[in-house]
PDB file of N, CA and C in Angstrom:
ATOM      1  N   MET A   1       0.845  -1.174   0.000  1.00  0.00           N
ATOM      2  CA  MET A   1       0.000   0.000   0.000  1.00  0.00           C
ATOM      3  C   MET A   1       0.893   1.241   0.000  1.00  0.00           C
ATOM      4  N   ALA A   2       0.523   2.242  -0.776  1.00  0.00           N
ATOM      5  CA  ALA A   2       1.298   3.479  -0.879  1.00  0.00           C
ATOM      6  C   ALA A   2       1.165   4.298   0.403  1.00  0.00           C
ATOM      7  N   ARG A   3       2.257   4.921   0.797  1.00  0.00           N
ATOM      8  CA  ARG A   3       2.270   5.757   1.992  1.00  0.00           C
ATOM      9  C   ARG A   3       1.814   7.163   1.639  1.00  0.00           C
ATOM     10  N   ALA A   4       1.007   7.769   2.498  1.00  0.00           N
ATOM     11  CA  ALA A   4       0.528   9.127   2.268  1.00  0.00           C
ATOM     12  C   ALA A   4       1.698  10.104   2.382  1.00  0.00           C
ATOM     13  N   ILE A   5       1.689  11.114   1.541  1.00  0.00           N
ATOM     14  CA  ILE A   5       2.727  12.133   1.568  1.00  0.00           C
ATOM     15  C   ILE A   5       2.232  13.286   2.438  1.00  0.00           C
ATOM     16  N   SER A   6       3.077  13.751   3.340  1.00  0.00           N
ATOM     17  CA  SER A   6       2.682  14.819   4.255  1.00  0.00           C
ATOM     18  C   SER A   6       2.543  16.152   3.520  1.00  0.00           C
ATOM     19  N   LEU A   7       1.757  17.036   4.110  1.00  0.00           N
ATOM     20  CA  LEU A   7       1.592  18.376   3.549  1.00  0.00           C
ATOM     21  C   LEU A   7       2.944  19.082   3.491  1.00  0.00           C
ATOM     22  N   ARG A   8       3.777  18.901   4.518  1.00  0.00           N
ATOM     23  CA  ARG A   8       5.106  19.523   4.525  1.00  0.00           C
ATOM     24  C   ARG A   8       5.935  19.055   3.329  1.00  0.00           C
ATOM     25  N   GLU A   9       5.887  17.765   3.028  1.00  0.00           N
ATOM     26  CA  GLU A   9       6.652  17.241   1.889  1.00  0.00           C
ATOM     27  C   GLU A   9       6.097  17.774   0.571  1.00  0.00           C
ATOM     28  N   LEU A  10       4.793  17.892   0.453  1.00  0.00           N
ATOM     29  CA  LEU A  10       4.211  18.444  -0.769  1.00  0.00           C
ATOM     30  C   LEU A  10       4.647  19.899  -0.977  1.00  0.00           C
ATOM     31  N   VAL A  11       4.628  20.685   0.102  1.00  0.00           N
ATOM     32  CA  VAL A  11       5.067  22.082   0.024  1.00  0.00           C
ATOM     33  C   VAL A  11       6.550  22.135  -0.349  1.00  0.00           C
ATOM     34  N   ARG A  12       7.361  21.264   0.254  1.00  0.00           N
ATOM     35  CA  ARG A  12       8.790  21.222  -0.059  1.00  0.00           C
ATOM     36  C   ARG A  12       9.026  20.932  -1.539  1.00  0.00           C
ATOM     37  N   ARG A  13       8.273  20.011  -2.091  1.00  0.00           N
ATOM     38  CA  ARG A  13       8.433  19.652  -3.505  1.00  0.00           C
ATOM     39  C   ARG A  13       8.109  20.827  -4.425  1.00  0.00           C
ATOM     40  N   VAL A  14       7.099  21.604  -4.070  1.00  0.00           N
ATOM     41  CA  VAL A  14       6.759  22.776  -4.892  1.00  0.00           C
ATOM     42  C   VAL A  14       7.882  23.805  -4.814  1.00  0.00           C
ATOM     43  N   LEU A  15       8.352  24.094  -3.609  1.00  0.00           N
ATOM     44  CA  LEU A  15       9.380  25.122  -3.428  1.00  0.00           C
ATOM     45  C   LEU A  15      10.748  24.699  -3.953  1.00  0.00           C
ATOM     46  N   ALA A  16      10.960  23.403  -4.131  1.00  0.00           N
ATOM     47  CA  ALA A  16      12.265  22.880  -4.539  1.00  0.00           C
ATOM     48  C   ALA A  16      12.699  23.312  -5.935  1.00  0.00           C
ATOM     49  N   ASP A  17      11.805  23.956  -6.691  1.00  0.00           N
ATOM     50  CA  ASP A  17      12.209  24.434  -8.018  1.00  0.00           C
ATOM     51  C   ASP A  17      12.962  25.764  -7.947  1.00  0.00           C
ATOM     52  N   GLY A  18      12.989  26.389  -6.756  1.00  0.00           N
ATOM     53  CA  GLY A  18      13.742  27.622  -6.578  1.00  0.00           C
ATOM     54  C   GLY A  18      13.047  28.881  -7.066  1.00  0.00           C
ATOM     55  N   ASN A  19      11.812  28.751  -7.540  1.00  0.00           N
ATOM     56  CA  ASN A  19      11.056  29.909  -8.021  1.00  0.00           C
ATOM     57  C   ASN A  19      10.188  30.483  -6.914  1.00  0.00           C
ATOM     58  N   TRP A  20       9.692  31.704  -7.126  1.00  0.00           N
ATOM     59  CA  TRP A  20       8.757  32.328  -6.188  1.00  0.00           C
ATOM     60  C   TRP A  20       7.377  31.706  -6.352  1.00  0.00           C
ATOM     61  N   HIS A  21       6.705  31.439  -5.226  1.00  0.00           N
ATOM     62  CA  HIS A  21       5.357  30.881  -5.237  1.00  0.00           C
ATOM     63  C   HIS A  21       4.529  31.562  -4.157  1.00  0.00           C
ATOM     64  N   THR A  22       3.333  32.007  -4.509  1.00  0.00           N
ATOM     65  CA  THR A  22       2.412  32.522  -3.491  1.00  0.00           C
ATOM     66  C   THR A  22       1.792  31.326  -2.769  1.00  0.00           C
ATOM     67  N   GLY A  23       1.171  31.595  -1.635  1.00  0.00           N
ATOM     68  CA  GLY A  23       0.490  30.528  -0.914  1.00  0.00           C
ATOM     69  C   GLY A  23      -0.585  29.874  -1.758  1.00  0.00           C
ATOM     70  N   LEU A  24      -1.325  30.682  -2.517  1.00  0.00           N
ATOM     71  CA  LEU A  24      -2.373  30.132  -3.387  1.00  0.00           C
ATOM     72  C   LEU A  24      -1.768  29.274  -4.493  1.00  0.00           C
ATOM     73  N   ASP A  25      -0.657  29.706  -5.042  1.00  0.00           N
ATOM     74  CA  ASP A  25       0.024  28.920  -6.076  1.00  0.00           C
ATOM     75  C   ASP A  25       0.451  27.559  -5.513  1.00  0.00           C
ATOM     76  N   ILE A  26       1.019  27.566  -4.301  1.00  0.00           N
ATOM     77  CA  ILE A  26       1.422  26.300  -3.666  1.00  0.00           C
ATOM     78  C   ILE A  26       0.195  25.414  -3.473  1.00  0.00           C
ATOM     79  N   ALA A  27      -0.883  26.013  -2.964  1.00  0.00           N
ATOM     80  CA  ALA A  27      -2.114  25.245  -2.725  1.00  0.00           C
ATOM     81  C   ALA A  27      -2.606  24.583  -4.009  1.00  0.00           C
ATOM     82  N   ARG A  28      -2.656  25.328  -5.079  1.00  0.00           N
ATOM     83  CA  ARG A  28      -3.145  24.770  -6.356  1.00  0.00           C
ATOM     84  C   ARG A  28      -2.238  23.684  -6.886  1.00  0.00           C
ATOM     85  N   ARG A  29      -0.938  23.858  -6.717  1.00  0.00           N
ATOM     86  CA  ARG A  29       0.004  22.853  -7.222  1.00  0.00           C
ATOM     87  C   ARG A  29      -0.063  21.536  -6.451  1.00  0.00           C
ATOM     88  N   ILE A  30      -0.549  21.593  -5.212  1.00  0.00           N
ATOM     89  CA  ILE A  30      -0.665  20.343  -4.441  1.00  0.00           C
ATOM     90  C   ILE A  30      -2.097  19.823  -4.420  1.00  0.00           C
ATOM     91  N   GLY A  31      -2.953  20.425  -5.254  1.00  0.00           N
ATOM     92  CA  GLY A  31      -4.301  19.901  -5.412  1.00  0.00           C
ATOM     93  C   GLY A  31      -5.349  20.472  -4.479  1.00  0.00           C
ATOM     94  N   ARG A  32      -5.064  21.615  -3.875  1.00  0.00           N
ATOM     95  CA  ARG A  32      -6.059  22.263  -3.012  1.00  0.00           C
ATOM     96  C   ARG A  32      -6.703  23.405  -3.771  1.00  0.00           C
ATOM     97  N   ARG A  33      -7.947  23.675  -3.439  1.00  0.00           N
ATOM     98  CA  ARG A  33      -8.667  24.737  -4.138  1.00  0.00           C
ATOM     99  C   ARG A  33      -8.358  26.122  -3.596  1.00  0.00           C
ATOM    100  N   SER A  34      -7.992  26.193  -2.321  1.00  0.00           N
ATOM    101  CA  SER A  34      -7.738  27.503  -1.718  1.00  0.00           C
ATOM    102  C   SER A  34      -6.528  27.429  -0.805  1.00  0.00           C
ATOM    103  N   TYR A  35      -5.980  28.588  -0.527  1.00  0.00           N
ATOM    104  CA  TYR A  35      -4.832  28.715   0.371  1.00  0.00           C
ATOM    105  C   TYR A  35      -5.306  28.543   1.810  1.00  0.00           C
ATOM    106  N   SER A  36      -4.480  27.919   2.621  1.00  0.00           N
ATOM    107  CA  SER A  36      -4.792  27.796   4.039  1.00  0.00           C
ATOM    108  C   SER A  36      -3.571  28.186   4.860  1.00  0.00           C
ATOM    109  N   THR A  37      -3.797  28.564   6.094  1.00  0.00           N
ATOM    110  CA  THR A  37      -2.679  28.923   6.963  1.00  0.00           C
ATOM    111  C   THR A  37      -1.776  27.718   7.221  1.00  0.00           C
ATOM    112  N   GLY A  38      -2.295  26.523   7.001  1.00  0.00           N
ATOM    113  CA  GLY A  38      -1.478  25.326   7.172  1.00  0.00           C
ATOM    114  C   GLY A  38      -0.291  25.302   6.226  1.00  0.00           C
ATOM    115  N   ILE A  39      -0.453  25.877   5.042  1.00  0.00           N
ATOM    116  CA  ILE A  39       0.648  25.916   4.081  1.00  0.00           C
ATOM    117  C   ILE A  39       1.757  26.830   4.597  1.00  0.00           C
ATOM    118  N   ALA A  40       1.396  27.994   5.116  1.00  0.00           N
ATOM    119  CA  ALA A  40       2.399  28.905   5.678  1.00  0.00           C
ATOM    120  C   ALA A  40       3.102  28.248   6.869  1.00  0.00           C
ATOM    121  N   ALA A  41       2.365  27.488   7.651  1.00  0.00           N
ATOM    122  CA  ALA A  41       2.958  26.785   8.790  1.00  0.00           C
ATOM    123  C   ALA A  41       3.984  25.760   8.310  1.00  0.00           C
ATOM    124  N   LYS A  42       3.699  25.087   7.224  1.00  0.00           N
ATOM    125  CA  LYS A  42       4.641  24.093   6.691  1.00  0.00           C
ATOM    126  C   LYS A  42       5.878  24.760   6.117  1.00  0.00           C
ATOM    127  N   VAL A  43       5.715  25.955   5.528  1.00  0.00           N
ATOM    128  CA  VAL A  43       6.880  26.708   5.067  1.00  0.00           C
ATOM    129  C   VAL A  43       7.768  27.033   6.265  1.00  0.00           C
ATOM    130  N   ARG A  44       7.169  27.489   7.354  1.00  0.00           N
ATOM    131  CA  ARG A  44       7.943  27.778   8.576  1.00  0.00           C
ATOM    132  C   ARG A  44       8.630  26.509   9.084  1.00  0.00           C
ATOM    133  N   ASP A  45       7.909  25.390   9.056  1.00  0.00           N
ATOM    134  CA  ASP A  45       8.495  24.123   9.513  1.00  0.00           C
ATOM    135  C   ASP A  45       9.742  23.769   8.693  1.00  0.00           C
ATOM    136  N   LEU A  46       9.679  23.976   7.384  1.00  0.00           N
ATOM    137  CA  LEU A  46      10.805  23.615   6.524  1.00  0.00           C
ATOM    138  C   LEU A  46      12.068  24.405   6.861  1.00  0.00           C
ATOM    139  N   ARG A  47      11.917  25.535   7.501  1.00  0.00           N
ATOM    140  CA  ARG A  47      13.075  26.346   7.913  1.00  0.00           C
ATOM    141  C   ARG A  47      13.757  25.775   9.158  1.00  0.00           C
ATOM    142  N   LYS A  48      13.051  24.952   9.911  1.00  0.00           N
ATOM    143  CA  LYS A  48      13.585  24.392  11.162  1.00  0.00           C
ATOM    144  C   LYS A  48      14.593  23.281  10.857  1.00  0.00           C
ATOM    145  N   PRO A  49      15.677  23.205  11.646  1.00  0.00           N
ATOM    146  CA  PRO A  49      16.691  22.178  11.413  1.00  0.00           C
ATOM    147  C   PRO A  49      16.122  20.760  11.379  1.00  0.00           C
ATOM    148  N   GLU A  50      15.151  20.459  12.238  1.00  0.00           N
ATOM    149  CA  GLU A  50      14.608  19.104  12.284  1.00  0.00           C
ATOM    150  C   GLU A  50      13.765  18.740  11.059  1.00  0.00           C
ATOM    151  N   HIS A  51      13.462  19.726  10.215  1.00  0.00           N
ATOM    152  CA  HIS A  51      12.693  19.466   8.991  1.00  0.00           C
ATOM    153  C   HIS A  51      13.471  19.877   7.748  1.00  0.00           C
ATOM    154  N   GLY A  52      14.794  19.888   7.854  1.00  0.00           N
ATOM    155  CA  GLY A  52      15.629  20.172   6.692  1.00  0.00           C
ATOM    156  C   GLY A  52      16.448  21.441   6.806  1.00  0.00           C
ATOM    157  N   GLY A  53      15.983  22.411   7.601  1.00  0.00           N
ATOM    158  CA  GLY A  53      16.727  23.658   7.752  1.00  0.00           C
ATOM    159  C   GLY A  53      16.894  24.421   6.456  1.00  0.00           C
ATOM    160  N   TYR A  54      15.886  24.338   5.592  1.00  0.00           N
ATOM    161  CA  TYR A  54      15.970  24.995   4.292  1.00  0.00           C
ATOM    162  C   TYR A  54      15.945  26.505   4.435  1.00  0.00           C
ATOM    163  N   GLU A  55      16.707  27.180   3.580  1.00  0.00           N
ATOM    164  CA  GLU A  55      16.661  28.640   3.531  1.00  0.00           C
ATOM    165  C   GLU A  55      15.510  29.014   2.599  1.00  0.00           C
ATOM    166  N   ILE A  56      14.483  29.598   3.178  1.00  0.00           N
ATOM    167  CA  ILE A  56      13.301  29.989   2.407  1.00  0.00           C
ATOM    168  C   ILE A  56      13.054  31.468   2.642  1.00  0.00           C
ATOM    169  N   HIS A  57      13.086  32.217   1.574  1.00  0.00           N
ATOM    170  CA  HIS A  57      12.825  33.653   1.653  1.00  0.00           C
ATOM    171  C   HIS A  57      11.342  33.896   1.458  1.00  0.00           C
ATOM    172  N   SER A  58      10.845  34.949   2.083  1.00  0.00           N
ATOM    173  CA  SER A  58       9.448  35.341   1.893  1.00  0.00           C
ATOM    174  C   SER A  58       9.400  36.848   1.722  1.00  0.00           C
ATOM    175  N   GLU A  59       8.433  37.298   0.954  1.00  0.00           N
ATOM    176  CA  GLU A  59       8.232  38.718   0.752  1.00  0.00           C
ATOM    177  C   GLU A  59       6.802  38.970   0.345  1.00  0.00           C
ATOM    178  N   LYS A  60       6.365  40.186   0.585  1.00  0.00           N
ATOM    179  CA  LYS A  60       5.011  40.561   0.190  1.00  0.00           C
ATOM    180  C   LYS A  60       4.979  40.716  -1.327  1.00  0.00           C
ATOM    181  N   ASP A  61       3.994  40.107  -1.953  1.00  0.00           N
ATOM    182  CA  ASP A  61       3.790  40.252  -3.399  1.00  0.00           C
ATOM    183  C   ASP A  61       2.940  41.512  -3.590  1.00  0.00           C
ATOM    184  N   VAL A  62       3.605  42.623  -3.866  1.00  0.00           N
ATOM    185  CA  VAL A  62       2.940  43.928  -3.912  1.00  0.00           C
ATOM    186  C   VAL A  62       1.853  43.969  -4.987  1.00  0.00           C
ATOM    187  N   GLU A  63       2.167  43.509  -6.181  1.00  0.00           N
ATOM    188  CA  GLU A  63       1.184  43.540  -7.276  1.00  0.00           C
ATOM    189  C   GLU A  63      -0.059  42.735  -6.944  1.00  0.00           C
ATOM    190  N   GLU A  64       0.144  41.524  -6.470  1.00  0.00           N
ATOM    191  CA  GLU A  64      -0.992  40.654  -6.145  1.00  0.00           C
ATOM    192  C   GLU A  64      -1.777  41.202  -4.951  1.00  0.00           C
ATOM    193  N   SER A  65      -1.081  41.806  -4.000  1.00  0.00           N
ATOM    194  CA  SER A  65      -1.749  42.407  -2.841  1.00  0.00           C
ATOM    195  C   SER A  65      -2.646  43.560  -3.280  1.00  0.00           C
ATOM    196  N   ARG A  66      -2.157  44.390  -4.204  1.00  0.00           N
ATOM    197  CA  ARG A  66      -2.980  45.495  -4.732  1.00  0.00           C
ATOM    198  C   ARG A  66      -4.192  44.963  -5.491  1.00  0.00           C
ATOM    199  N   ARG A  67      -3.943  43.960  -6.308  1.00  0.00           N
ATOM    200  CA  ARG A  67      -5.008  43.398  -7.144  1.00  0.00           C
ATOM    201  C   ARG A  67      -6.122  42.784  -6.311  1.00  0.00           C
ATOM    202  N   THR A  68      -5.759  42.088  -5.241  1.00  0.00           N
ATOM    203  CA  THR A  68      -6.748  41.369  -4.442  1.00  0.00           C
ATOM    204  C   THR A  68      -7.264  42.164  -3.246  1.00  0.00           C
ATOM    205  N   GLY A  69      -6.541  43.206  -2.859  1.00  0.00           N
ATOM    206  CA  GLY A  69      -6.928  43.966  -1.677  1.00  0.00           C
ATOM    207  C   GLY A  69      -6.582  43.255  -0.376  1.00  0.00           C
ATOM    208  N   ARG A  70      -5.776  42.228  -0.454  1.00  0.00           N
ATOM    209  CA  ARG A  70      -5.324  41.452   0.711  1.00  0.00           C
ATOM    210  C   ARG A  70      -3.816  41.356   0.678  1.00  0.00           C
ATOM    211  N   GLN A  71      -3.219  41.109   1.850  1.00  0.00           N
ATOM    212  CA  GLN A  71      -1.781  40.871   1.872  1.00  0.00           C
ATOM    213  C   GLN A  71      -1.503  39.496   1.292  1.00  0.00           C
ATOM    214  N   VAL A  72      -0.688  39.458   0.262  1.00  0.00           N
ATOM    215  CA  VAL A  72      -0.312  38.196  -0.370  1.00  0.00           C
ATOM    216  C   VAL A  72       1.201  38.053  -0.238  1.00  0.00           C
ATOM    217  N   TRP A  73       1.630  36.931   0.312  1.00  0.00           N
ATOM    218  CA  TRP A  73       3.052  36.649   0.496  1.00  0.00           C
ATOM    219  C   TRP A  73       3.490  35.586  -0.491  1.00  0.00           C
ATOM    220  N   ARG A  74       4.742  35.658  -0.866  1.00  0.00           N
ATOM    221  CA  ARG A  74       5.304  34.628  -1.727  1.00  0.00           C
ATOM    222  C   ARG A  74       6.577  34.091  -1.097  1.00  0.00           C
ATOM    223  N   PHE A  75       6.920  32.871  -1.474  1.00  0.00           N
ATOM    224  CA  PHE A  75       8.009  32.137  -0.848  1.00  0.00           C
ATOM    225  C   PHE A  75       8.943  31.570  -1.914  1.00  0.00           C
ATOM    226  N   ARG A  76      10.213  31.484  -1.560  1.00  0.00           N
ATOM    227  CA  ARG A  76      11.209  30.935  -2.486  1.00  0.00           C
ATOM    228  C   ARG A  76      12.269  30.188  -1.699  1.00  0.00           C
ATOM    229  N   MET A  77      12.517  28.939  -2.080  1.00  0.00           N
ATOM    230  CA  MET A  77      13.575  28.152  -1.451  1.00  0.00           C
ATOM    231  C   MET A  77      14.883  28.450  -2.174  1.00  0.00           C
ATOM    232  N   ILE A  78      15.926  28.744  -1.396  1.00  0.00           N
ATOM    233  CA  ILE A  78      17.252  28.962  -1.964  1.00  0.00           C
ATOM    234  C   ILE A  78      17.898  27.586  -2.087  1.00  0.00           C
ATOM    235  N   LEU A  79      18.138  27.175  -3.309  1.00  0.00           N
ATOM    236  CA  LEU A  79      18.614  25.823  -3.570  1.00  0.00           C
ATOM    237  C   LEU A  79      20.054  25.626  -3.111  1.00  0.00           C
ATOM    238  N   GLY A  80      20.318  24.473  -2.518  1.00  0.00           N
ATOM    239  CA  GLY A  80      21.659  24.105  -2.095  1.00  0.00           C
ATOM    240  C   GLY A  80      22.105  24.743  -0.787  1.00  0.00           C
ATOM    241  N   VAL A  81      21.207  25.467  -0.110  1.00  0.00           N
ATOM    242  CA  VAL A  81      21.578  26.125   1.144  1.00  0.00           C
ATOM    243  C   VAL A  81      20.649  25.649   2.247  1.00  0.00           C
ATOM    244  N   THR A  82      21.233  25.118   3.303  1.00  0.00           N
ATOM    245  CA  THR A  82      20.456  24.778   4.498  1.00  0.00           C
ATOM    246  C   THR A  82      21.113  25.444   5.680  1.00  0.00           C
ATOM    247  N   LYS A  83      20.357  25.642   6.722  1.00  0.00           N
ATOM    248  CA  LYS A  83      20.884  26.251   7.934  1.00  0.00           C
ATOM    249  C   LYS A  83      21.629  25.187   8.722  1.00  0.00           C
ATOM    250  N   PRO A  84      22.675  25.597   9.444  1.00  0.00           N
ATOM    251  CA  PRO A  84      23.409  24.608  10.248  1.00  0.00           C
ATOM    252  C   PRO A  84      22.531  24.051  11.360  1.00  0.00           C
ATOM    253  N   THR A  85      22.817  22.839  11.759  1.00  0.00           N
ATOM    254  CA  THR A  85      22.082  22.238  12.869  1.00  0.00           C
ATOM    255  C   THR A  85      22.549  22.865  14.171  1.00  0.00           C
ATOM    256  N   ARG A  86      21.805  22.632  15.238  1.00  0.00           N
ATOM    257  CA  ARG A  86      22.186  23.167  16.551  1.00  0.00           C
ATOM    258  C   ARG A  86      23.605  22.728  16.926  1.00  0.00           C
ATOM    259  N   ASP A  87      24.004  21.522  16.534  1.00  0.00           N
ATOM    260  CA  ASP A  87      25.337  21.028  16.878  1.00  0.00           C
ATOM    261  C   ASP A  87      26.436  21.848  16.219  1.00  0.00           C
ATOM    262  N   ALA A  88      26.130  22.485  15.085  1.00  0.00           N
ATOM    263  CA  ALA A  88      27.131  23.243  14.348  1.00  0.00           C
ATOM    264  C   ALA A  88      27.192  24.704  14.780  1.00  0.00           C
ATOM    265  N   LEU A  89      26.327  25.109  15.685  1.00  0.00           N
ATOM    266  CA  LEU A  89      26.290  26.496  16.138  1.00  0.00           C
ATOM    267  C   LEU A  89      27.133  26.657  17.403  1.00  0.00           C
ATOM    268  N   ALA A  90      27.750  27.802  17.541  1.00  0.00           N
ATOM    269  CA  ALA A  90      28.564  28.064  18.730  1.00  0.00           C
ATOM    270  C   ALA A  90      28.063  29.329  19.408  1.00  0.00           C
ATOM    271  N   ILE A  91      27.898  29.278  20.714  1.00  0.00           N
ATOM    272  CA  ILE A  91      27.472  30.462  21.459  1.00  0.00           C
ATOM    273  C   ILE A  91      28.638  31.442  21.509  1.00  0.00           C
ATOM    274  N   ASP A  92      28.344  32.709  21.226  1.00  0.00           N
ATOM    275  CA  ASP A  92      29.412  33.712  21.259  1.00  0.00           C
ATOM    276  C   ASP A  92      29.847  33.989  22.698  1.00  0.00           C
ATOM    277  N   GLY A  93      30.938  34.708  22.869  1.00  0.00           N
ATOM    278  CA  GLY A  93      31.510  34.960  24.185  1.00  0.00           C
ATOM    279  C   GLY A  93      30.585  35.673  25.147  1.00  0.00           C
ATOM    280  N   SER A  94      29.691  36.526  24.648  1.00  0.00           N
ATOM    281  CA  SER A  94      28.806  37.278  25.540  1.00  0.00           C
ATOM    282  C   SER A  94      27.618  36.453  26.007  1.00  0.00           C
ATOM    283  N   GLY A  95      27.359  35.342  25.362  1.00  0.00           N
ATOM    284  CA  GLY A  95      26.221  34.507  25.711  1.00  0.00           C
ATOM    285  C   GLY A  95      24.892  35.084  25.248  1.00  0.00           C
ATOM    286  N   GLN A  96      24.946  36.116  24.388  1.00  0.00           N
ATOM    287  CA  GLN A  96      23.719  36.780  23.947  1.00  0.00           C
ATOM    288  C   GLN A  96      23.214  36.284  22.596  1.00  0.00           C
ATOM    289  N   GLY A  97      23.974  35.494  21.924  1.00  0.00           N
ATOM    290  CA  GLY A  97      23.526  35.053  20.612  1.00  0.00           C
ATOM    291  C   GLY A  97      24.408  33.966  20.065  1.00  0.00           C
ATOM    292  N   LEU A  98      24.268  33.712  18.803  1.00  0.00           N
ATOM    293  CA  LEU A  98      25.003  32.638  18.152  1.00  0.00           C
ATOM    294  C   LEU A  98      25.798  33.186  16.985  1.00  0.00           C
ATOM    295  N   LEU A  99      26.963  32.631  16.776  1.00  0.00           N
ATOM    296  CA  LEU A  99      27.755  32.958  15.611  1.00  0.00           C
ATOM    297  C   LEU A  99      27.469  31.867  14.589  1.00  0.00           C
ATOM    298  N   VAL A 100      26.933  32.249  13.450  1.00  0.00           N
ATOM    299  CA  VAL A 100      26.498  31.282  12.459  1.00  0.00           C
ATOM    300  C   VAL A 100      27.323  31.454  11.203  1.00  0.00           C
ATOM    301  N   SER A 101      27.851  30.383  10.696  1.00  0.00           N
ATOM    302  CA  SER A 101      28.631  30.430   9.466  1.00  0.00           C
ATOM    303  C   SER A 101      27.708  30.683   8.287  1.00  0.00           C
ATOM    304  N   ASP A 102      28.112  31.569   7.408  1.00  0.00           N
ATOM    305  CA  ASP A 102      27.336  31.864   6.206  1.00  0.00           C
ATOM    306  C   ASP A 102      27.817  30.943   5.094  1.00  0.00           C
ATOM    307  N   ALA A 103      26.977  29.991   4.709  1.00  0.00           N
ATOM    308  CA  ALA A 103      27.364  28.982   3.723  1.00  0.00           C
ATOM    309  C   ALA A 103      27.639  29.581   2.353  1.00  0.00           C
ATOM    310  N   LEU A 104      27.035  30.717   2.031  1.00  0.00           N
ATOM    311  CA  LEU A 104      27.205  31.301   0.707  1.00  0.00           C
ATOM    312  C   LEU A 104      28.510  32.070   0.556  1.00  0.00           C
ATOM    313  N   GLU A 105      28.922  32.791   1.573  1.00  0.00           N
ATOM    314  CA  GLU A 105      30.071  33.673   1.438  1.00  0.00           C
ATOM    315  C   GLU A 105      31.248  33.265   2.316  1.00  0.00           C
ATOM    316  N   GLY A 106      31.098  32.201   3.078  1.00  0.00           N
ATOM    317  CA  GLY A 106      32.177  31.767   3.947  1.00  0.00           C
ATOM    318  C   GLY A 106      32.455  32.736   5.083  1.00  0.00           C
ATOM    319  N   GLN A 107      31.503  33.601   5.377  1.00  0.00           N
ATOM    320  CA  GLN A 107      31.666  34.574   6.454  1.00  0.00           C
ATOM    321  C   GLN A 107      30.730  34.186   7.597  1.00  0.00           C
ATOM    322  N   ALA A 108      30.955  34.822   8.721  1.00  0.00           N
ATOM    323  CA  ALA A 108      30.105  34.562   9.872  1.00  0.00           C
ATOM    324  C   ALA A 108      29.286  35.808  10.158  1.00  0.00           C
ATOM    325  N   HIS A 109      28.102  35.620  10.665  1.00  0.00           N
ATOM    326  CA  HIS A 109      27.276  36.750  11.087  1.00  0.00           C
ATOM    327  C   HIS A 109      26.640  36.412  12.421  1.00  0.00           C
ATOM    328  N   PHE A 110      26.251  37.436  13.138  1.00  0.00           N
ATOM    329  CA  PHE A 110      25.701  37.266  14.481  1.00  0.00           C
ATOM    330  C   PHE A 110      24.184  37.218  14.418  1.00  0.00           C
ATOM    331  N   ARG A 111      23.606  36.266  15.093  1.00  0.00           N
ATOM    332  CA  ARG A 111      22.154  36.137  15.131  1.00  0.00           C
ATOM    333  C   ARG A 111      21.721  35.960  16.583  1.00  0.00           C
ATOM    334  N   ARG A 112      20.792  36.783  17.022  1.00  0.00           N
ATOM    335  CA  ARG A 112      20.258  36.647  18.384  1.00  0.00           C
ATOM    336  C   ARG A 112      19.238  35.523  18.419  1.00  0.00           C
ATOM    337  N   GLU A 113      19.242  34.791  19.499  1.00  0.00           N
ATOM    338  CA  GLU A 113      18.288  33.686  19.664  1.00  0.00           C
ATOM    339  C   GLU A 113      17.322  34.011  20.750  1.00  0.00           C
TER     340      GLU A 113
END
């Protein structure tokens, strides 16, 4: 018997092309008629280390927001980039944040937790 595919995996497959997708676009591509907050929740989940640590950018789709009169967000997975796991992070000397290696530029930046 075939195993059911999770909503998170379906969202990941859509975003894996590296293009921008609105929530409604993701919903339609996975066979749903309308956008739901569950899709945005799965995008957030995909950013977590335990679900892949994918780098996913989001931004307001200004044109679509004007057209619909609602805030419309779009999402894009940056291909080949994942966030380091907790084991790969080091607490900085002040104990106020983490020093995280930047996989794209080989530099480090400070991130508060």
